[in-house]
Amino acid sequence: MANAAGRTSVWLDGKARRGGRGGQPSGLDRERITAATVRLLDAEGLARFSMRRLAAELNVTAMSVYWYVDTKDDLLELALDAVYGELPPPDPAAPQEWRGGLRELARAYRSLLVRHPWLSPLVGTYLNIGPNALAFSRAVQQTVRRTGLPAARLTGAISAVMQFVYGFGTIEGHFGARVAAAGMTHDEYHRHAVSTASQDPGAAAMIEESADITAARGGDTPQEMWERDFTFGLDLLVAGIEAMVERRD
């Protein structure tokens, strides 16, 4: 989804704080419109979202929505920051040990991406300078600062962890969306996918070559397999940060 030419952010020029223009329709406000946008995106996905569809959800005309936002991009950017508000704020009374703090932030972000599969493409579309997104970014930065890495290495560590989480959560979230669209359980869809892939000779050979890895991983539910892989991947990254702190170069 490309931004309109010259567009910057709804959070600039006071647009996000504007409560609507004079003479706006009664019964609506920006918070209600944003909440409805999130519900609609969760239910139908980003590709089907439109201002007309949102207006129907709110039982108003599309022009009524435009009293509160200038463009669809503005509304999507507001929805993006709204769901970042679901992330739990750091507890200032909690111990300052960075490993547990980083794991907690990573797990919260992964869960957010899985709950809202439409989130990941928007993260790469907008500036993400809304208050909730900035609060999360600040929490991540403050946690990684406590690792003891030199300042020149902090952004690399943040990128390694958060881009891993972003990629993992995006794929897991899209898998869940496909499961829901197919009307199957996670187990049923997983079995169906493996069975379908096995019909292709190349894919079947790959599945056969990976049989020992699959067996070692454990043949539990897809959710349990996701959890094990995520935990180990995050452990690798934490161990890597620890090793780089010890190197001190």
C-alpha atoms as a PDB file:
ATOM      1  CA  MET A   1       0.000   0.000   0.000  1.00  0.00           C
ATOM      2  CA  ALA A   2       1.690   3.192  -1.125  1.00  0.00           C
ATOM      3  CA  ASN A   3       1.201   6.520   0.588  1.00  0.00           C
ATOM      4  CA  ALA A   4      -0.268   9.329  -1.437  1.00  0.00           C
ATOM      5  CA  ALA A   5       2.372  11.590  -2.985  1.00  0.00           C
ATOM      6  CA  GLY A   6       3.688  14.063  -0.455  1.00  0.00           C
ATOM      7  CA  ARG A   7       1.873  12.505   2.507  1.00  0.00           C
ATOM      8  CA  THR A   8       3.777  12.505   5.797  1.00  0.00           C
ATOM      9  CA  SER A   9       1.799  11.393   8.862  1.00  0.00           C
ATOM     10  CA  VAL A  10      -1.536  11.933  10.540  1.00  0.00           C
ATOM     11  CA  TRP A  11       0.427  12.718  13.702  1.00  0.00           C
ATOM     12  CA  LEU A  12       1.935  15.847  12.184  1.00  0.00           C
ATOM     13  CA  ASP A  13       0.309  19.287  11.822  1.00  0.00           C
ATOM     14  CA  GLY A  14      -2.153  18.526  14.615  1.00  0.00           C
ATOM     15  CA  LYS A  15      -4.329  16.317  12.398  1.00  0.00           C
ATOM     16  CA  ALA A  16      -4.510  13.464  14.903  1.00  0.00           C
ATOM     17  CA  ARG A  17      -5.656  15.788  17.671  1.00  0.00           C
ATOM     18  CA  ARG A  18      -8.364  17.441  15.635  1.00  0.00           C
ATOM     19  CA  GLY A  19     -11.746  16.442  16.999  1.00  0.00           C
ATOM     20  CA  GLY A  20     -13.637  16.969  13.773  1.00  0.00           C
ATOM     21  CA  ARG A  21     -14.605  20.058  11.864  1.00  0.00           C
ATOM     22  CA  GLY A  22     -17.371  22.404  12.755  1.00  0.00           C
ATOM     23  CA  GLY A  23     -20.855  21.022  12.163  1.00  0.00           C
ATOM     24  CA  GLN A  24     -19.710  17.419  12.388  1.00  0.00           C
ATOM     25  CA  PRO A  25     -22.376  14.674  12.538  1.00  0.00           C
ATOM     26  CA  SER A  26     -23.590  13.842  16.014  1.00  0.00           C
ATOM     27  CA  GLY A  27     -23.084  10.375  17.489  1.00  0.00           C
ATOM     28  CA  LEU A  28     -19.593   9.988  16.047  1.00  0.00           C
ATOM     29  CA  ASP A  29     -16.130  10.776  17.310  1.00  0.00           C
ATOM     30  CA  ARG A  30     -12.658   9.824  16.201  1.00  0.00           C
ATOM     31  CA  GLU A  31     -12.226   7.203  18.929  1.00  0.00           C
ATOM     32  CA  ARG A  32     -15.407   5.406  17.914  1.00  0.00           C
ATOM     33  CA  ILE A  33     -14.421   5.514  14.235  1.00  0.00           C
ATOM     34  CA  THR A  34     -10.949   4.194  14.989  1.00  0.00           C
ATOM     35  CA  ALA A  35     -12.300   1.368  17.155  1.00  0.00           C
ATOM     36  CA  ALA A  36     -14.713   0.364  14.383  1.00  0.00           C
ATOM     37  CA  THR A  37     -11.840   0.410  11.904  1.00  0.00           C
ATOM     38  CA  VAL A  38      -9.858  -2.011  14.063  1.00  0.00           C
ATOM     39  CA  ARG A  39     -12.861  -4.336  14.412  1.00  0.00           C
ATOM     40  CA  LEU A  40     -13.459  -4.307  10.671  1.00  0.00           C
ATOM     41  CA  LEU A  41      -9.809  -4.939   9.850  1.00  0.00           C
ATOM     42  CA  ASP A  42      -9.761  -7.848  12.305  1.00  0.00           C
ATOM     43  CA  ALA A  43     -12.908  -9.326  10.809  1.00  0.00           C
ATOM     44  CA  GLU A  44     -12.299  -8.807   7.084  1.00  0.00           C
ATOM     45  CA  GLY A  45      -8.644  -7.926   6.572  1.00  0.00           C
ATOM     46  CA  LEU A  46      -6.824  -5.014   5.015  1.00  0.00           C
ATOM     47  CA  ALA A  47      -7.592  -5.842   1.378  1.00  0.00           C
ATOM     48  CA  ARG A  48     -11.353  -5.543   1.869  1.00  0.00           C
ATOM     49  CA  PHE A  49     -11.264  -2.410   4.000  1.00  0.00           C
ATOM     50  CA  SER A  50     -12.788   0.754   2.548  1.00  0.00           C
ATOM     51  CA  MET A  51     -14.259   3.971   3.857  1.00  0.00           C
ATOM     52  CA  ARG A  52     -17.604   2.969   2.376  1.00  0.00           C
ATOM     53  CA  ARG A  53     -17.486  -0.378   4.194  1.00  0.00           C
ATOM     54  CA  LEU A  54     -16.580   1.404   7.435  1.00  0.00           C
ATOM     55  CA  ALA A  55     -19.442   3.861   7.023  1.00  0.00           C
ATOM     56  CA  ALA A  56     -21.854   0.942   6.596  1.00  0.00           C
ATOM     57  CA  GLU A  57     -20.469  -0.630   9.772  1.00  0.00           C
ATOM     58  CA  LEU A  58     -21.135   2.633  11.627  1.00  0.00           C
ATOM     59  CA  ASN A  59     -24.509   3.085   9.919  1.00  0.00           C
ATOM     60  CA  VAL A  60     -23.540   6.515   8.582  1.00  0.00           C
ATOM     61  CA  THR A  61     -22.566   7.946   5.209  1.00  0.00           C
ATOM     62  CA  ALA A  62     -18.970   7.921   4.028  1.00  0.00           C
ATOM     63  CA  MET A  63     -18.994  11.715   4.066  1.00  0.00           C
ATOM     64  CA  SER A  64     -19.764  11.590   7.790  1.00  0.00           C
ATOM     65  CA  VAL A  65     -16.505   9.726   8.388  1.00  0.00           C
ATOM     66  CA  TYR A  66     -14.597  12.346   6.412  1.00  0.00           C
ATOM     67  CA  TRP A  67     -15.606  14.971   8.952  1.00  0.00           C
ATOM     68  CA  TYR A  68     -13.075  13.314  11.271  1.00  0.00           C
ATOM     69  CA  VAL A  69     -10.266  12.140   8.965  1.00  0.00           C
ATOM     70  CA  ASP A  70      -9.031  13.520   5.676  1.00  0.00           C
ATOM     71  CA  THR A  71      -8.046  10.232   4.050  1.00  0.00           C
ATOM     72  CA  LYS A  72      -8.160   6.470   4.401  1.00  0.00           C
ATOM     73  CA  ASP A  73      -4.409   6.563   5.122  1.00  0.00           C
ATOM     74  CA  ASP A  74      -5.028   8.830   8.097  1.00  0.00           C
ATOM     75  CA  LEU A  75      -7.561   6.390   9.501  1.00  0.00           C
ATOM     76  CA  LEU A  76      -5.336   3.349   8.985  1.00  0.00           C
ATOM     77  CA  GLU A  77      -2.489   5.149  10.723  1.00  0.00           C
ATOM     78  CA  LEU A  78      -4.767   5.904  13.674  1.00  0.00           C
ATOM     79  CA  ALA A  79      -5.855   2.240  13.799  1.00  0.00           C
ATOM     80  CA  LEU A  80      -2.213   1.141  13.691  1.00  0.00           C
ATOM     81  CA  ASP A  81      -1.347   3.192  16.753  1.00  0.00           C
ATOM     82  CA  ALA A  82      -4.561   2.208  18.530  1.00  0.00           C
ATOM     83  CA  VAL A  83      -3.594  -1.471  18.580  1.00  0.00           C
ATOM     84  CA  TYR A  84      -0.109  -0.609  19.816  1.00  0.00           C
ATOM     85  CA  GLY A  85      -2.013   0.645  22.843  1.00  0.00           C
ATOM     86  CA  GLU A  86      -2.845  -2.997  23.639  1.00  0.00           C
ATOM     87  CA  LEU A  87       0.790  -3.619  24.550  1.00  0.00           C
ATOM     88  CA  PRO A  88       1.233  -3.599  28.322  1.00  0.00           C
ATOM     89  CA  PRO A  89       3.261  -0.626  29.559  1.00  0.00           C
ATOM     90  CA  PRO A  90       6.543  -1.471  31.315  1.00  0.00           C
ATOM     91  CA  ASP A  91       6.222  -1.807  35.063  1.00  0.00           C
ATOM     92  CA  PRO A  92       8.614   0.762  36.618  1.00  0.00           C
ATOM     93  CA  ALA A  93       8.686  -1.324  39.817  1.00  0.00           C
ATOM     94  CA  ALA A  94       9.777  -4.481  37.969  1.00  0.00           C
ATOM     95  CA  PRO A  95      13.400  -5.673  38.187  1.00  0.00           C
ATOM     96  CA  GLN A  96      15.647  -4.055  35.607  1.00  0.00           C
ATOM     97  CA  GLU A  97      17.157  -7.349  34.362  1.00  0.00           C
ATOM     98  CA  TRP A  98      17.251  -6.920  30.576  1.00  0.00           C
ATOM     99  CA  ARG A  99      16.845 -10.549  29.476  1.00  0.00           C
ATOM    100  CA  GLY A 100      13.415 -11.006  31.015  1.00  0.00           C
ATOM    101  CA  GLY A 101      12.359  -7.532  29.928  1.00  0.00           C
ATOM    102  CA  LEU A 102      13.379  -8.135  26.333  1.00  0.00           C
ATOM    103  CA  ARG A 103      11.624 -11.509  26.225  1.00  0.00           C
ATOM    104  CA  GLU A 104       8.455  -9.915  27.625  1.00  0.00           C
ATOM    105  CA  LEU A 105       8.473  -7.150  25.006  1.00  0.00           C
ATOM    106  CA  ALA A 106       9.165  -9.638  22.220  1.00  0.00           C
ATOM    107  CA  ARG A 107       6.321 -11.917  23.272  1.00  0.00           C
ATOM    108  CA  ALA A 108       3.896  -9.019  23.568  1.00  0.00           C
ATOM    109  CA  TYR A 109       4.779  -7.771  20.085  1.00  0.00           C
ATOM    110  CA  ARG A 110       4.464 -11.253  18.586  1.00  0.00           C
ATOM    111  CA  SER A 111       1.005 -11.662  20.151  1.00  0.00           C
ATOM    112  CA  LEU A 112      -0.063  -8.292  18.748  1.00  0.00           C
ATOM    113  CA  LEU A 113       0.976  -9.267  15.218  1.00  0.00           C
ATOM    114  CA  VAL A 114      -0.835 -12.592  15.502  1.00  0.00           C
ATOM    115  CA  ARG A 115      -4.051 -11.014  16.831  1.00  0.00           C
ATOM    116  CA  HIS A 116      -4.063  -8.401  14.069  1.00  0.00           C
ATOM    117  CA  PRO A 117      -2.638  -9.881  10.829  1.00  0.00           C
ATOM    118  CA  TRP A 118      -3.305  -6.585   9.006  1.00  0.00           C
ATOM    119  CA  LEU A 119      -0.850  -4.831  11.295  1.00  0.00           C
ATOM    120  CA  SER A 120       2.416  -5.978   9.712  1.00  0.00           C
ATOM    121  CA  PRO A 121       1.977  -4.356   6.275  1.00  0.00           C
ATOM    122  CA  LEU A 122       0.960  -1.079   7.911  1.00  0.00           C
ATOM    123  CA  VAL A 123       4.063  -1.102  10.125  1.00  0.00           C
ATOM    124  CA  GLY A 124       6.128  -0.887   6.943  1.00  0.00           C
ATOM    125  CA  THR A 125       3.912   1.777   5.387  1.00  0.00           C
ATOM    126  CA  TYR A 126       3.723   4.575   7.953  1.00  0.00           C
ATOM    127  CA  LEU A 127       6.168   6.505  10.133  1.00  0.00           C
ATOM    128  CA  ASN A 128       4.839   4.927  13.349  1.00  0.00           C
ATOM    129  CA  ILE A 129       5.221   8.076  15.420  1.00  0.00           C
ATOM    130  CA  GLY A 130       1.916   7.816  17.274  1.00  0.00           C
ATOM    131  CA  PRO A 131       2.077   7.905  21.075  1.00  0.00           C
ATOM    132  CA  ASN A 132       1.535   4.181  21.612  1.00  0.00           C
ATOM    133  CA  ALA A 133       4.089   3.121  18.988  1.00  0.00           C
ATOM    134  CA  LEU A 134       6.626   5.561  20.414  1.00  0.00           C
ATOM    135  CA  ALA A 135       6.038   4.259  23.939  1.00  0.00           C
ATOM    136  CA  PHE A 136       6.753   0.715  22.761  1.00  0.00           C
ATOM    137  CA  SER A 137       9.855   1.786  20.837  1.00  0.00           C
ATOM    138  CA  ARG A 138      11.113   3.661  23.891  1.00  0.00           C
ATOM    139  CA  ALA A 139      10.579   0.593  26.101  1.00  0.00           C
ATOM    140  CA  VAL A 140      12.551  -1.575  23.676  1.00  0.00           C
ATOM    141  CA  GLN A 141      15.380   0.947  23.473  1.00  0.00           C
ATOM    142  CA  GLN A 142      15.588   1.366  27.240  1.00  0.00           C
ATOM    143  CA  THR A 143      15.678  -2.405  27.719  1.00  0.00           C
ATOM    144  CA  VAL A 144      18.432  -2.961  25.154  1.00  0.00           C
ATOM    145  CA  ARG A 145      20.453  -0.112  26.681  1.00  0.00           C
ATOM    146  CA  ARG A 146      20.649  -2.203  29.863  1.00  0.00           C
ATOM    147  CA  THR A 147      22.451  -5.033  28.040  1.00  0.00           C
ATOM    148  CA  GLY A 148      25.798  -3.287  28.325  1.00  0.00           C
ATOM    149  CA  LEU A 149      26.334  -3.164  24.570  1.00  0.00           C
ATOM    150  CA  PRO A 150      28.167  -0.064  23.334  1.00  0.00           C
ATOM    151  CA  ALA A 151      25.950   2.634  21.859  1.00  0.00           C
ATOM    152  CA  ALA A 152      27.135   1.850  18.321  1.00  0.00           C
ATOM    153  CA  ARG A 153      25.734  -1.707  18.643  1.00  0.00           C
ATOM    154  CA  LEU A 154      22.324  -0.930  20.141  1.00  0.00           C
ATOM    155  CA  THR A 155      20.405  -0.402  16.903  1.00  0.00           C
ATOM    156  CA  GLY A 156      21.790  -3.649  15.490  1.00  0.00           C
ATOM    157  CA  ALA A 157      20.630  -5.572  18.545  1.00  0.00           C
ATOM    158  CA  ILE A 158      17.192  -3.951  18.423  1.00  0.00           C
ATOM    159  CA  SER A 159      16.878  -4.748  14.720  1.00  0.00           C
ATOM    160  CA  ALA A 160      17.937  -8.370  15.195  1.00  0.00           C
ATOM    161  CA  VAL A 161      15.363  -9.026  17.909  1.00  0.00           C
ATOM    162  CA  MET A 162      12.427  -6.945  16.722  1.00  0.00           C
ATOM    163  CA  GLN A 163      12.750  -7.898  13.051  1.00  0.00           C
ATOM    164  CA  PHE A 164      12.864 -11.545  14.070  1.00  0.00           C
ATOM    165  CA  VAL A 165       9.669 -11.020  16.064  1.00  0.00           C
ATOM    166  CA  TYR A 166       8.079  -9.039  13.230  1.00  0.00           C
ATOM    167  CA  GLY A 167       8.804 -11.777  10.690  1.00  0.00           C
ATOM    168  CA  PHE A 168       7.782 -14.608  12.988  1.00  0.00           C
ATOM    169  CA  GLY A 169       4.581 -12.892  14.136  1.00  0.00           C
ATOM    170  CA  THR A 170       3.669 -11.915  10.570  1.00  0.00           C
ATOM    171  CA  ILE A 171       3.928 -15.483   9.253  1.00  0.00           C
ATOM    172  CA  GLU A 172       2.136 -16.908  12.291  1.00  0.00           C
ATOM    173  CA  GLY A 173      -0.616 -14.305  11.983  1.00  0.00           C
ATOM    174  CA  HIS A 174      -1.114 -14.989   8.279  1.00  0.00           C
ATOM    175  CA  PHE A 175      -1.273 -18.719   8.992  1.00  0.00           C
ATOM    176  CA  GLY A 176      -4.018 -18.068  11.535  1.00  0.00           C
ATOM    177  CA  ALA A 177      -5.911 -15.930   9.017  1.00  0.00           C
ATOM    178  CA  ARG A 178      -5.755 -18.719   6.422  1.00  0.00           C
ATOM    179  CA  VAL A 179      -6.970 -21.211   9.011  1.00  0.00           C
ATOM    180  CA  ALA A 180      -9.938 -18.990   9.848  1.00  0.00           C
ATOM    181  CA  ALA A 181     -10.750 -18.384   6.166  1.00  0.00           C
ATOM    182  CA  ALA A 182     -10.697 -22.140   5.501  1.00  0.00           C
ATOM    183  CA  GLY A 183     -13.064 -22.820   8.402  1.00  0.00           C
ATOM    184  CA  MET A 184     -10.690 -25.408   9.847  1.00  0.00           C
ATOM    185  CA  THR A 185      -8.889 -25.908  13.128  1.00  0.00           C
ATOM    186  CA  HIS A 186      -5.150 -25.273  13.225  1.00  0.00           C
ATOM    187  CA  ASP A 187      -4.505 -29.023  13.338  1.00  0.00           C
ATOM    188  CA  GLU A 188      -6.786 -29.704  10.369  1.00  0.00           C
ATOM    189  CA  TYR A 189      -5.227 -26.973   8.281  1.00  0.00           C
ATOM    190  CA  HIS A 190      -1.698 -28.118   9.113  1.00  0.00           C
ATOM    191  CA  ARG A 191      -2.483 -31.691   8.075  1.00  0.00           C
ATOM    192  CA  HIS A 192      -4.206 -30.432   4.919  1.00  0.00           C
ATOM    193  CA  ALA A 193      -1.212 -28.251   4.008  1.00  0.00           C
ATOM    194  CA  VAL A 194       1.288 -31.088   4.479  1.00  0.00           C
ATOM    195  CA  SER A 195      -0.906 -33.496   2.517  1.00  0.00           C
ATOM    196  CA  THR A 196      -1.335 -31.012  -0.323  1.00  0.00           C
ATOM    197  CA  ALA A 197       2.378 -30.190  -0.474  1.00  0.00           C
ATOM    198  CA  SER A 198       3.234 -33.894  -0.533  1.00  0.00           C
ATOM    199  CA  GLN A 199       1.508 -34.193  -3.916  1.00  0.00           C
ATOM    200  CA  ASP A 200       4.343 -32.200  -5.485  1.00  0.00           C
ATOM    201  CA  PRO A 201       7.451 -34.371  -6.045  1.00  0.00           C
ATOM    202  CA  GLY A 202       9.889 -31.619  -5.077  1.00  0.00           C
ATOM    203  CA  ALA A 203       7.993 -30.710  -1.940  1.00  0.00           C
ATOM    204  CA  ALA A 204       7.525 -34.372  -1.038  1.00  0.00           C
ATOM    205  CA  ALA A 205      11.279 -34.932  -1.282  1.00  0.00           C
ATOM    206  CA  MET A 206      11.916 -31.935   0.958  1.00  0.00           C
ATOM    207  CA  ILE A 207       9.406 -33.201   3.509  1.00  0.00           C
ATOM    208  CA  GLU A 208      11.113 -36.592   3.473  1.00  0.00           C
ATOM    209  CA  GLU A 209      14.562 -35.018   3.906  1.00  0.00           C
ATOM    210  CA  SER A 210      13.239 -33.039   6.879  1.00  0.00           C
ATOM    211  CA  ALA A 211      11.581 -36.004   8.591  1.00  0.00           C
ATOM    212  CA  ASP A 212      14.257 -36.287  11.300  1.00  0.00           C
ATOM    213  CA  ILE A 213      14.061 -32.554  12.052  1.00  0.00           C
ATOM    214  CA  THR A 214      10.287 -32.721  12.237  1.00  0.00           C
ATOM    215  CA  ALA A 215      10.423 -35.720  14.564  1.00  0.00           C
ATOM    216  CA  ALA A 216      12.977 -34.039  16.824  1.00  0.00           C
ATOM    217  CA  ARG A 217      10.917 -30.868  16.898  1.00  0.00           C
ATOM    218  CA  GLY A 218       7.942 -32.797  18.245  1.00  0.00           C
ATOM    219  CA  GLY A 219       4.647 -33.674  16.610  1.00  0.00           C
ATOM    220  CA  ASP A 220       2.380 -31.615  18.811  1.00  0.00           C
ATOM    221  CA  THR A 221      -0.178 -28.997  17.819  1.00  0.00           C
ATOM    222  CA  PRO A 222       0.838 -26.198  15.419  1.00  0.00           C
ATOM    223  CA  GLN A 223       0.517 -23.676  18.253  1.00  0.00           C
ATOM    224  CA  GLU A 224       2.944 -25.694  20.405  1.00  0.00           C
ATOM    225  CA  MET A 225       5.374 -25.961  17.496  1.00  0.00           C
ATOM    226  CA  TRP A 226       5.177 -22.190  16.907  1.00  0.00           C
ATOM    227  CA  GLU A 227       5.849 -21.621  20.594  1.00  0.00           C
ATOM    228  CA  ARG A 228       8.894 -23.880  20.740  1.00  0.00           C
ATOM    229  CA  ASP A 229      10.441 -22.376  17.627  1.00  0.00           C
ATOM    230  CA  PHE A 230       9.829 -18.812  18.797  1.00  0.00           C
ATOM    231  CA  THR A 231      11.264 -19.471  22.242  1.00  0.00           C
ATOM    232  CA  PHE A 232      14.412 -21.076  20.852  1.00  0.00           C
ATOM    233  CA  GLY A 233      14.898 -18.364  18.225  1.00  0.00           C
ATOM    234  CA  LEU A 234      14.587 -15.674  20.892  1.00  0.00           C
ATOM    235  CA  ASP A 235      16.979 -17.573  23.163  1.00  0.00           C
ATOM    236  CA  LEU A 236      19.536 -17.614  20.329  1.00  0.00           C
ATOM    237  CA  LEU A 237      19.287 -13.847  19.973  1.00  0.00           C
ATOM    238  CA  VAL A 238      19.603 -13.244  23.720  1.00  0.00           C
ATOM    239  CA  ALA A 239      22.642 -15.527  23.821  1.00  0.00           C
ATOM    240  CA  GLY A 240      24.108 -13.649  20.875  1.00  0.00           C
ATOM    241  CA  ILE A 241      23.703 -10.322  22.674  1.00  0.00           C
ATOM    242  CA  GLU A 242      25.357 -11.796  25.759  1.00  0.00           C
ATOM    243  CA  ALA A 243      28.275 -13.033  23.642  1.00  0.00           C
ATOM    244  CA  MET A 244      28.704  -9.626  21.997  1.00  0.00           C
ATOM    245  CA  VAL A 245      28.681  -7.883  25.367  1.00  0.00           C
ATOM    246  CA  GLU A 246      31.507 -10.196  26.491  1.00  0.00           C
ATOM    247  CA  ARG A 247      33.543  -9.429  23.359  1.00  0.00           C
ATOM    248  CA  ARG A 248      33.619  -5.688  24.050  1.00  0.00           C
ATOM    249  CA  ASP A 249      34.889  -4.785  20.582  1.00  0.00           C
END
